Structures are given as C-alpha cells and as structure tokens.
Amino acid sequence: MSKRTIIAAGNWKMNKTPTEAAEFVTALKERVKDANTEVVVGVPFVCIPAVKTALTGSDIKVAAQNMHFEDSGAYTGEVSGAMLSDLGVDYVIIGHSERREYFGETNETVNKKAHAIFKYGMKPIICCGESLEQREQGVTAEHVRYQIKIALLGLTADQVCQTVIAYEPIWAIGTGKTATNEQANEVCAIIREAVKELYNTSVADQVRIQYGGSVNAKNAKEIFAMPDIDGGLVGGASLKLDDFEIIAKSGN
C-alpha cells in the first residue's frame, strides 16, 4: 500500500476579510513550516489574491470553496476554472453539504465541476456524506457510494489518484456531534472500496479520504491515525491559529 500524505485542509466558509486572511496565513506559515502533513487553506474567493501573496515561499496550498463548471459566460456571480487557475489556486472544494443544501448543488454538477477543475490544472476536494435521517434509516453506505459513483463519472484513474474525497456526515457539521473514530473510518473504508470497484486497488490505495465533521485540536490526532482516514476538512477550528496549528501537525 502506498503511503498517503495526510492532508489538513481548513474550510473557512464565509469568514475573514482579505486583510484578516493575509494576516492569518502570514502567522500560520511560520507555525506549520515543519509539519509533515499537506496544509491547505480553503478561503473565500475575494481573499485568494491576498492569501497567495502572503504565502509566497510557503508550502501551504490554497483551495477555493466552489467553482462553476463552464469556462466563461453569462453566469452572474460565478467564478470559472480559468479565473482560479490564473490566481494559482491548488484545490477546489466541491459538493460541500452547505452547497448542496442551500445552493442546489447536485451529484451531477459536482461531476461537471470535477472535470473542469482538472481541465484547468487544479485538484478537486469532493465532499460527500449522509444526513441524520439517512444514517438512522441505515442507508449511509448506499447513499455515499452513489454520491461517489456519480461524482467520479468519466474521470481517469490518474485523475482519481489526485482527487481528495472528504467524508462529511451532515449531522456532525457545526452541531458539536462527531462520528466516533470507528464510524468515520468505516465510511471512509466504504468510499475506498467503492473507488476500488470503479477503478482498481492501486487507485483506491492512492486516493486520499479526509474526514470532516467537527474535527478539532483535541480529536484530530486520533482521527488522522485511523487506517482509512487521510486527514481532515476542518471548519470552525481552522479559523483559530492555535487550533489549526495543532491539527496541521496531527499527522506527525
């Protein structure tokens, strides 16, 4: 099995002005320069230029939180792959449960976005996960497998190896509830098995699967140590310097 690099990605959601963002990452880059995880900050669109400038000479990667799948056109308020690529963005988060719930994101649009992200030389962080109702009805595995199958449709094996998948149980986002480490690992293993069925063992061994769902400074080390979990997509805790530093170093 290939050794997968732990990826600690912060999803800032709609927080921090460009000025605040630049100050934050300037402090962060000093604190995590010896972390042996891949550190990513998922910042609002308007913060990307300031953050990229502030991170000059740092290994920290920058993610956008969304992207439109068309190259250009009459899509008021949307941002294209060409725009993000031109700013030097590394990753794009797609299919987050908040995007699905509030903005009509579907498995099909996630798939179109994944193709567009690769077209412009970036990598997707594809989110998937079940609601509390789905978990209680015992359909977590089917639901998550379906999300992954549609999201990866038509991607090459090489592209999937570069893809990051973030398992986020919707019932554990911002609720303070967390899946147990075993529950989280179980679903990440189901996702890896689905990738194996769609592609092969080698691809399944290489694809990185994060857990997202109230990851914090206290639980990150244990979560990242689980065999099928390759890091975290971190919400609130990624906005706090001390906490995110601890999380970023939790793969050590």
C-alpha atoms as a PDB file:
ATOM      1  CA  MET A   1       0.000   0.000   0.000  1.00  0.00           C
ATOM      2  CA  SER A   2       1.282   3.444  -0.882  1.00  0.00           C
ATOM      3  CA  LYS A   3       1.979   5.816   1.991  1.00  0.00           C
ATOM      4  CA  ARG A   4      -0.630   8.537   1.706  1.00  0.00           C
ATOM      5  CA  THR A   5       0.310  12.045   2.860  1.00  0.00           C
ATOM      6  CA  ILE A   6      -2.095  13.326   5.488  1.00  0.00           C
ATOM      7  CA  ILE A   7      -3.918  16.436   4.241  1.00  0.00           C
ATOM      8  CA  ALA A   8      -5.142  19.007   6.772  1.00  0.00           C
ATOM      9  CA  ALA A   9      -7.440  21.412   4.953  1.00  0.00           C
ATOM     10  CA  GLY A  10      -9.248  24.337   6.522  1.00  0.00           C
ATOM     11  CA  ASN A  11     -12.613  25.336   5.090  1.00  0.00           C
ATOM     12  CA  TRP A  12     -13.060  28.929   6.186  1.00  0.00           C
ATOM     13  CA  LYS A  13     -16.588  29.174   4.745  1.00  0.00           C
ATOM     14  CA  MET A  14     -17.793  32.815   4.697  1.00  0.00           C
ATOM     15  CA  ASN A  15     -15.269  34.192   7.161  1.00  0.00           C
ATOM     16  CA  LYS A  16     -12.342  36.646   7.152  1.00  0.00           C
ATOM     17  CA  THR A  17     -11.752  39.718   5.006  1.00  0.00           C
ATOM     18  CA  PRO A  18      -8.745  39.736   2.621  1.00  0.00           C
ATOM     19  CA  THR A  19      -6.792  41.783   5.191  1.00  0.00           C
ATOM     20  CA  GLU A  20      -7.629  39.372   8.028  1.00  0.00           C
ATOM     21  CA  ALA A  21      -6.892  36.386   5.797  1.00  0.00           C
ATOM     22  CA  ALA A  22      -3.433  37.656   4.839  1.00  0.00           C
ATOM     23  CA  GLU A  23      -2.570  38.316   8.490  1.00  0.00           C
ATOM     24  CA  PHE A  24      -3.763  34.858   9.478  1.00  0.00           C
ATOM     25  CA  VAL A  25      -1.778  32.901   6.873  1.00  0.00           C
ATOM     26  CA  THR A  26       1.328  35.014   7.477  1.00  0.00           C
ATOM     27  CA  ALA A  27       1.265  33.823  11.089  1.00  0.00           C
ATOM     28  CA  LEU A  28       0.219  30.284  10.110  1.00  0.00           C
ATOM     29  CA  LYS A  29       3.049  29.656   7.643  1.00  0.00           C
ATOM     30  CA  GLU A  30       5.685  30.162  10.345  1.00  0.00           C
ATOM     31  CA  ARG A  31       3.878  27.827  12.731  1.00  0.00           C
ATOM     32  CA  VAL A  32       3.397  24.917  10.314  1.00  0.00           C
ATOM     33  CA  LYS A  33       6.581  25.103   8.271  1.00  0.00           C
ATOM     34  CA  ASP A  34       7.837  21.850   9.813  1.00  0.00           C
ATOM     35  CA  ALA A  35       4.502  19.995   9.672  1.00  0.00           C
ATOM     36  CA  ASN A  36       4.812  16.793   7.658  1.00  0.00           C
ATOM     37  CA  THR A  37       1.199  16.987   6.534  1.00  0.00           C
ATOM     38  CA  GLU A  38      -0.029  18.819   3.455  1.00  0.00           C
ATOM     39  CA  VAL A  39      -1.630  22.001   4.782  1.00  0.00           C
ATOM     40  CA  VAL A  40      -4.412  23.662   2.770  1.00  0.00           C
ATOM     41  CA  VAL A  41      -6.473  26.793   3.436  1.00  0.00           C
ATOM     42  CA  GLY A  42      -9.889  26.977   1.756  1.00  0.00           C
ATOM     43  CA  VAL A  43     -10.524  30.713   1.621  1.00  0.00           C
ATOM     44  CA  PRO A  44     -13.306  32.914   0.170  1.00  0.00           C
ATOM     45  CA  PHE A  45     -12.772  33.965  -3.460  1.00  0.00           C
ATOM     46  CA  VAL A  46     -12.017  37.592  -2.575  1.00  0.00           C
ATOM     47  CA  CYS A  47      -9.243  36.504  -0.198  1.00  0.00           C
ATOM     48  CA  ILE A  48      -7.342  34.352  -2.700  1.00  0.00           C
ATOM     49  CA  PRO A  49      -5.018  37.046  -4.168  1.00  0.00           C
ATOM     50  CA  ALA A  50      -4.011  38.407  -0.741  1.00  0.00           C
ATOM     51  CA  VAL A  51      -3.525  34.894   0.654  1.00  0.00           C
ATOM     52  CA  LYS A  52      -1.430  33.760  -2.323  1.00  0.00           C
ATOM     53  CA  THR A  53       0.822  36.807  -1.915  1.00  0.00           C
ATOM     54  CA  ALA A  54       1.150  36.262   1.846  1.00  0.00           C
ATOM     55  CA  LEU A  55       2.045  32.587   1.294  1.00  0.00           C
ATOM     56  CA  THR A  56       4.922  33.264  -1.126  1.00  0.00           C
ATOM     57  CA  GLY A  57       7.720  30.809  -0.313  1.00  0.00           C
ATOM     58  CA  SER A  58       5.442  28.612   1.822  1.00  0.00           C
ATOM     59  CA  ASP A  59       4.311  25.027   1.171  1.00  0.00           C
ATOM     60  CA  ILE A  60       0.737  25.821   2.259  1.00  0.00           C
ATOM     61  CA  LYS A  61      -1.724  25.191  -0.570  1.00  0.00           C
ATOM     62  CA  VAL A  62      -4.757  27.321  -1.362  1.00  0.00           C
ATOM     63  CA  ALA A  63      -8.240  25.978  -2.076  1.00  0.00           C
ATOM     64  CA  ALA A  64     -11.271  27.785  -3.454  1.00  0.00           C
ATOM     65  CA  GLN A  65     -14.603  26.825  -1.889  1.00  0.00           C
ATOM     66  CA  ASN A  66     -16.515  26.386  -5.146  1.00  0.00           C
ATOM     67  CA  MET A  67     -16.279  26.894  -8.911  1.00  0.00           C
ATOM     68  CA  HIS A  68     -18.569  26.946 -11.928  1.00  0.00           C
ATOM     69  CA  PHE A  69     -18.135  24.139 -14.472  1.00  0.00           C
ATOM     70  CA  GLU A  70     -18.444  26.394 -17.572  1.00  0.00           C
ATOM     71  CA  ASP A  71     -15.326  28.119 -18.931  1.00  0.00           C
ATOM     72  CA  SER A  72     -16.978  31.546 -19.136  1.00  0.00           C
ATOM     73  CA  GLY A  73     -20.321  33.109 -19.950  1.00  0.00           C
ATOM     74  CA  ALA A  74     -23.483  34.716 -18.616  1.00  0.00           C
ATOM     75  CA  TYR A  75     -23.337  33.285 -15.093  1.00  0.00           C
ATOM     76  CA  THR A  76     -23.634  36.336 -12.869  1.00  0.00           C
ATOM     77  CA  GLY A  77     -21.829  35.924  -9.567  1.00  0.00           C
ATOM     78  CA  GLU A  78     -19.988  32.748 -10.576  1.00  0.00           C
ATOM     79  CA  VAL A  79     -16.247  32.068 -10.817  1.00  0.00           C
ATOM     80  CA  SER A  80     -14.598  29.915 -13.507  1.00  0.00           C
ATOM     81  CA  GLY A  81     -11.703  27.480 -13.507  1.00  0.00           C
ATOM     82  CA  ALA A  82      -9.633  29.817 -15.670  1.00  0.00           C
ATOM     83  CA  MET A  83     -10.019  32.597 -13.098  1.00  0.00           C
ATOM     84  CA  LEU A  84      -8.967  30.377 -10.184  1.00  0.00           C
ATOM     85  CA  SER A  85      -6.125  28.764 -12.105  1.00  0.00           C
ATOM     86  CA  ASP A  86      -4.806  32.207 -13.052  1.00  0.00           C
ATOM     87  CA  LEU A  87      -4.643  33.091  -9.338  1.00  0.00           C
ATOM     88  CA  GLY A  88      -2.570  29.965  -8.613  1.00  0.00           C
ATOM     89  CA  VAL A  89      -5.260  28.022  -6.753  1.00  0.00           C
ATOM     90  CA  ASP A  90      -4.283  24.400  -5.996  1.00  0.00           C
ATOM     91  CA  TYR A  91      -7.547  22.795  -4.893  1.00  0.00           C
ATOM     92  CA  VAL A  92     -11.266  23.450  -5.242  1.00  0.00           C
ATOM     93  CA  ILE A  93     -13.781  22.185  -2.666  1.00  0.00           C
ATOM     94  CA  ILE A  94     -16.931  20.944  -4.401  1.00  0.00           C
ATOM     95  CA  GLY A  95     -20.173  19.346  -3.261  1.00  0.00           C
ATOM     96  CA  HIS A  96     -19.980  20.562   0.322  1.00  0.00           C
ATOM     97  CA  SER A  97     -23.207  19.790   2.181  1.00  0.00           C
ATOM     98  CA  GLU A  98     -23.863  23.521   2.606  1.00  0.00           C
ATOM     99  CA  ARG A  99     -23.573  23.997  -1.166  1.00  0.00           C
ATOM    100  CA  ARG A 100     -25.912  21.055  -1.722  1.00  0.00           C
ATOM    101  CA  GLU A 101     -28.419  22.205   0.893  1.00  0.00           C
ATOM    102  CA  TYR A 102     -28.521  25.966   0.303  1.00  0.00           C
ATOM    103  CA  PHE A 103     -27.442  26.359  -3.328  1.00  0.00           C
ATOM    104  CA  GLY A 104     -28.859  23.370  -5.172  1.00  0.00           C
ATOM    105  CA  GLU A 105     -25.575  21.551  -5.793  1.00  0.00           C
ATOM    106  CA  THR A 106     -26.211  18.030  -7.125  1.00  0.00           C
ATOM    107  CA  ASN A 107     -24.068  14.955  -7.727  1.00  0.00           C
ATOM    108  CA  GLU A 108     -24.218  15.780 -11.444  1.00  0.00           C
ATOM    109  CA  THR A 109     -22.939  19.358 -11.033  1.00  0.00           C
ATOM    110  CA  VAL A 110     -20.199  18.052  -8.742  1.00  0.00           C
ATOM    111  CA  ASN A 111     -19.102  15.716 -11.524  1.00  0.00           C
ATOM    112  CA  LYS A 112     -19.072  18.514 -14.120  1.00  0.00           C
ATOM    113  CA  LYS A 113     -17.052  20.677 -11.752  1.00  0.00           C
ATOM    114  CA  ALA A 114     -14.542  17.872 -11.100  1.00  0.00           C
ATOM    115  CA  HIS A 115     -13.845  17.601 -14.846  1.00  0.00           C
ATOM    116  CA  ALA A 116     -13.493  21.384 -15.157  1.00  0.00           C
ATOM    117  CA  ILE A 117     -11.104  21.545 -12.185  1.00  0.00           C
ATOM    118  CA  PHE A 118      -8.758  19.027 -13.814  1.00  0.00           C
ATOM    119  CA  LYS A 119      -9.057  20.823 -17.153  1.00  0.00           C
ATOM    120  CA  TYR A 120      -7.524  23.888 -15.507  1.00  0.00           C
ATOM    121  CA  GLY A 121      -4.737  22.010 -13.729  1.00  0.00           C
ATOM    122  CA  MET A 122      -6.191  22.062 -10.220  1.00  0.00           C
ATOM    123  CA  LYS A 123      -7.411  19.219  -7.985  1.00  0.00           C
ATOM    124  CA  PRO A 124     -10.869  18.683  -6.508  1.00  0.00           C
ATOM    125  CA  ILE A 125     -11.763  18.055  -2.883  1.00  0.00           C
ATOM    126  CA  ILE A 126     -15.069  16.240  -3.351  1.00  0.00           C
ATOM    127  CA  CYS A 127     -17.415  16.225  -0.362  1.00  0.00           C
ATOM    128  CA  CYS A 128     -19.917  13.501   0.374  1.00  0.00           C
ATOM    129  CA  GLY A 129     -21.918  12.417   3.392  1.00  0.00           C
ATOM    130  CA  GLU A 130     -25.275  11.448   4.812  1.00  0.00           C
ATOM    131  CA  SER A 131     -27.938  13.229   6.853  1.00  0.00           C
ATOM    132  CA  LEU A 132     -29.014  12.089  10.308  1.00  0.00           C
ATOM    133  CA  GLU A 133     -32.203  10.638   8.814  1.00  0.00           C
ATOM    134  CA  GLN A 134     -30.218   8.616   6.259  1.00  0.00           C
ATOM    135  CA  ARG A 135     -27.908   7.285   8.968  1.00  0.00           C
ATOM    136  CA  GLU A 136     -30.825   6.307  11.166  1.00  0.00           C
ATOM    137  CA  GLN A 137     -32.515   4.545   8.233  1.00  0.00           C
ATOM    138  CA  GLY A 138     -29.326   2.537   7.646  1.00  0.00           C
ATOM    139  CA  VAL A 139     -28.679   3.809   4.101  1.00  0.00           C
ATOM    140  CA  THR A 140     -25.353   5.567   4.757  1.00  0.00           C
ATOM    141  CA  ALA A 141     -23.300   3.130   2.658  1.00  0.00           C
ATOM    142  CA  GLU A 142     -25.633   3.197  -0.350  1.00  0.00           C
ATOM    143  CA  HIS A 143     -26.020   6.965  -0.235  1.00  0.00           C
ATOM    144  CA  VAL A 144     -22.302   7.711  -0.017  1.00  0.00           C
ATOM    145  CA  ARG A 145     -21.404   5.126  -2.669  1.00  0.00           C
ATOM    146  CA  TYR A 146     -23.963   6.691  -5.017  1.00  0.00           C
ATOM    147  CA  GLN A 147     -22.560  10.189  -4.424  1.00  0.00           C
ATOM    148  CA  ILE A 148     -19.028   8.958  -5.181  1.00  0.00           C
ATOM    149  CA  LYS A 149     -20.000   6.979  -8.283  1.00  0.00           C
ATOM    150  CA  ILE A 150     -21.695   9.998  -9.867  1.00  0.00           C
ATOM    151  CA  ALA A 151     -19.004  12.465  -8.756  1.00  0.00           C
ATOM    152  CA  LEU A 152     -16.181  10.402 -10.318  1.00  0.00           C
ATOM    153  CA  LEU A 153     -18.017   9.536 -13.545  1.00  0.00           C
ATOM    154  CA  GLY A 154     -15.674   9.775 -16.540  1.00  0.00           C
ATOM    155  CA  LEU A 155     -12.561  10.708 -14.549  1.00  0.00           C
ATOM    156  CA  THR A 156      -9.419   8.780 -15.428  1.00  0.00           C
ATOM    157  CA  ALA A 157      -7.633   6.579 -12.901  1.00  0.00           C
ATOM    158  CA  ASP A 158      -4.794   9.102 -12.779  1.00  0.00           C
ATOM    159  CA  GLN A 159      -7.231  11.927 -12.019  1.00  0.00           C
ATOM    160  CA  VAL A 160      -8.878   9.960  -9.224  1.00  0.00           C
ATOM    161  CA  CYS A 161      -5.451   9.300  -7.666  1.00  0.00           C
ATOM    162  CA  GLN A 162      -5.042  13.098  -7.420  1.00  0.00           C
ATOM    163  CA  THR A 163      -8.559  13.666  -6.094  1.00  0.00           C
ATOM    164  CA  VAL A 164      -9.229  14.216  -2.408  1.00  0.00           C
ATOM    165  CA  ILE A 165     -12.548  12.912  -1.090  1.00  0.00           C
ATOM    166  CA  ALA A 166     -13.947  14.445   2.082  1.00  0.00           C
ATOM    167  CA  TYR A 167     -16.453  12.376   4.028  1.00  0.00           C
ATOM    168  CA  GLU A 168     -18.630  14.751   5.986  1.00  0.00           C
ATOM    169  CA  PRO A 169     -21.570  13.326   7.892  1.00  0.00           C
ATOM    170  CA  ILE A 170     -24.025  16.217   7.609  1.00  0.00           C
ATOM    171  CA  TRP A 171     -25.316  15.510  11.105  1.00  0.00           C
ATOM    172  CA  ALA A 172     -21.848  16.225  12.527  1.00  0.00           C
ATOM    173  CA  ILE A 173     -21.152  19.584  10.864  1.00  0.00           C
ATOM    174  CA  GLY A 174     -21.327  22.508  13.233  1.00  0.00           C
ATOM    175  CA  THR A 175     -23.511  20.516  15.621  1.00  0.00           C
ATOM    176  CA  GLY A 176     -20.743  19.567  18.035  1.00  0.00           C
ATOM    177  CA  LYS A 177     -21.691  15.932  17.378  1.00  0.00           C
ATOM    178  CA  THR A 178     -18.888  13.878  15.928  1.00  0.00           C
ATOM    179  CA  ALA A 179     -18.934  10.448  14.457  1.00  0.00           C
ATOM    180  CA  THR A 180     -16.834   8.101  16.562  1.00  0.00           C
ATOM    181  CA  ASN A 181     -13.418   7.408  15.046  1.00  0.00           C
ATOM    182  CA  GLU A 182     -14.684   3.941  14.168  1.00  0.00           C
ATOM    183  CA  GLN A 183     -17.827   5.292  12.468  1.00  0.00           C
ATOM    184  CA  ALA A 184     -15.783   7.796  10.483  1.00  0.00           C
ATOM    185  CA  ASN A 185     -13.215   5.189   9.456  1.00  0.00           C
ATOM    186  CA  GLU A 186     -15.934   2.718   8.490  1.00  0.00           C
ATOM    187  CA  VAL A 187     -17.472   5.113   5.960  1.00  0.00           C
ATOM    188  CA  CYS A 188     -14.050   6.169   4.632  1.00  0.00           C
ATOM    189  CA  ALA A 189     -13.335   2.452   4.090  1.00  0.00           C
ATOM    190  CA  ILE A 190     -16.657   2.102   2.225  1.00  0.00           C
ATOM    191  CA  ILE A 191     -15.618   5.010  -0.019  1.00  0.00           C
ATOM    192  CA  ARG A 192     -12.212   3.421  -0.644  1.00  0.00           C
ATOM    193  CA  GLU A 193     -13.900   0.119  -1.513  1.00  0.00           C
ATOM    194  CA  ALA A 194     -16.203   1.950  -3.964  1.00  0.00           C
ATOM    195  CA  VAL A 195     -13.159   3.529  -5.654  1.00  0.00           C
ATOM    196  CA  LYS A 196     -11.553   0.070  -5.858  1.00  0.00           C
ATOM    197  CA  GLU A 197     -14.654  -1.342  -7.569  1.00  0.00           C
ATOM    198  CA  LEU A 198     -14.807   1.584 -10.013  1.00  0.00           C
ATOM    199  CA  TYR A 199     -11.064   1.588 -10.770  1.00  0.00           C
ATOM    200  CA  ASN A 200      -8.630  -0.801  -9.054  1.00  0.00           C
ATOM    201  CA  THR A 201      -6.751  -1.473  -5.818  1.00  0.00           C
ATOM    202  CA  SER A 202      -3.849   0.804  -6.761  1.00  0.00           C
ATOM    203  CA  VAL A 203      -6.143   3.812  -7.268  1.00  0.00           C
ATOM    204  CA  ALA A 204      -8.039   3.033  -4.047  1.00  0.00           C
ATOM    205  CA  ASP A 205      -4.725   2.869  -2.161  1.00  0.00           C
ATOM    206  CA  GLN A 206      -3.630   6.260  -3.505  1.00  0.00           C
ATOM    207  CA  VAL A 207      -6.811   8.331  -3.198  1.00  0.00           C
ATOM    208  CA  ARG A 208      -6.846  10.415  -0.022  1.00  0.00           C
ATOM    209  CA  ILE A 209     -10.042  10.391   2.010  1.00  0.00           C
ATOM    210  CA  GLN A 210     -10.493  13.074   4.642  1.00  0.00           C
ATOM    211  CA  TYR A 211     -12.955  13.207   7.490  1.00  0.00           C
ATOM    212  CA  GLY A 212     -14.858  16.419   8.071  1.00  0.00           C
ATOM    213  CA  GLY A 213     -17.302  16.834  10.905  1.00  0.00           C
ATOM    214  CA  SER A 214     -16.305  18.853  13.955  1.00  0.00           C
ATOM    215  CA  VAL A 215     -12.588  17.986  13.664  1.00  0.00           C
ATOM    216  CA  ASN A 216     -10.774  19.970  16.357  1.00  0.00           C
ATOM    217  CA  ALA A 217      -7.429  20.310  18.121  1.00  0.00           C
ATOM    218  CA  LYS A 218      -8.388  17.676  20.702  1.00  0.00           C
ATOM    219  CA  ASN A 219      -9.579  14.882  18.393  1.00  0.00           C
ATOM    220  CA  ALA A 220      -7.526  15.395  15.211  1.00  0.00           C
ATOM    221  CA  LYS A 221      -4.560  13.172  16.119  1.00  0.00           C
ATOM    222  CA  GLU A 222      -6.751  10.147  16.887  1.00  0.00           C
ATOM    223  CA  ILE A 223      -8.916  10.697  13.798  1.00  0.00           C
ATOM    224  CA  PHE A 224      -5.900  11.061  11.477  1.00  0.00           C
ATOM    225  CA  ALA A 225      -4.401   7.858  12.907  1.00  0.00           C
ATOM    226  CA  MET A 226      -7.323   5.733  11.655  1.00  0.00           C
ATOM    227  CA  PRO A 227      -6.231   3.451   8.780  1.00  0.00           C
ATOM    228  CA  ASP A 228      -8.612   4.773   6.112  1.00  0.00           C
ATOM    229  CA  ILE A 229      -8.643   8.447   7.153  1.00  0.00           C
ATOM    230  CA  ASP A 230      -6.031  10.620   5.469  1.00  0.00           C
ATOM    231  CA  GLY A 231      -6.610  13.923   7.226  1.00  0.00           C
ATOM    232  CA  GLY A 232      -9.456  16.330   7.780  1.00  0.00           C
ATOM    233  CA  LEU A 233     -11.547  19.022   6.172  1.00  0.00           C
ATOM    234  CA  VAL A 234     -11.780  21.364   9.131  1.00  0.00           C
ATOM    235  CA  GLY A 235     -14.413  24.057   9.635  1.00  0.00           C
ATOM    236  CA  GLY A 236     -14.525  26.306  12.690  1.00  0.00           C
ATOM    237  CA  ALA A 237     -11.237  25.144  14.179  1.00  0.00           C
ATOM    238  CA  SER A 238      -9.372  26.219  11.020  1.00  0.00           C
ATOM    239  CA  LEU A 239     -10.186  29.857  11.828  1.00  0.00           C
ATOM    240  CA  LYS A 240      -8.211  29.697  15.087  1.00  0.00           C
ATOM    241  CA  LEU A 241      -4.425  29.839  14.748  1.00  0.00           C
ATOM    242  CA  ASP A 242      -3.560  27.751  17.794  1.00  0.00           C
ATOM    243  CA  ASP A 243      -6.105  25.065  16.976  1.00  0.00           C
ATOM    244  CA  PHE A 244      -5.285  24.791  13.281  1.00  0.00           C
ATOM    245  CA  GLU A 245      -1.565  24.597  14.050  1.00  0.00           C
ATOM    246  CA  ILE A 246      -2.216  21.587  16.302  1.00  0.00           C
ATOM    247  CA  ILE A 247      -4.468  19.980  13.671  1.00  0.00           C
ATOM    248  CA  ALA A 248      -1.934  20.593  10.900  1.00  0.00           C
ATOM    249  CA  LYS A 249       0.724  18.831  12.970  1.00  0.00           C
ATOM    250  CA  SER A 250      -1.566  15.942  13.946  1.00  0.00           C
ATOM    251  CA  GLY A 251      -0.208  13.733  11.185  1.00  0.00           C
ATOM    252  CA  ASN A 252       3.292  13.870  12.707  1.00  0.00           C
END
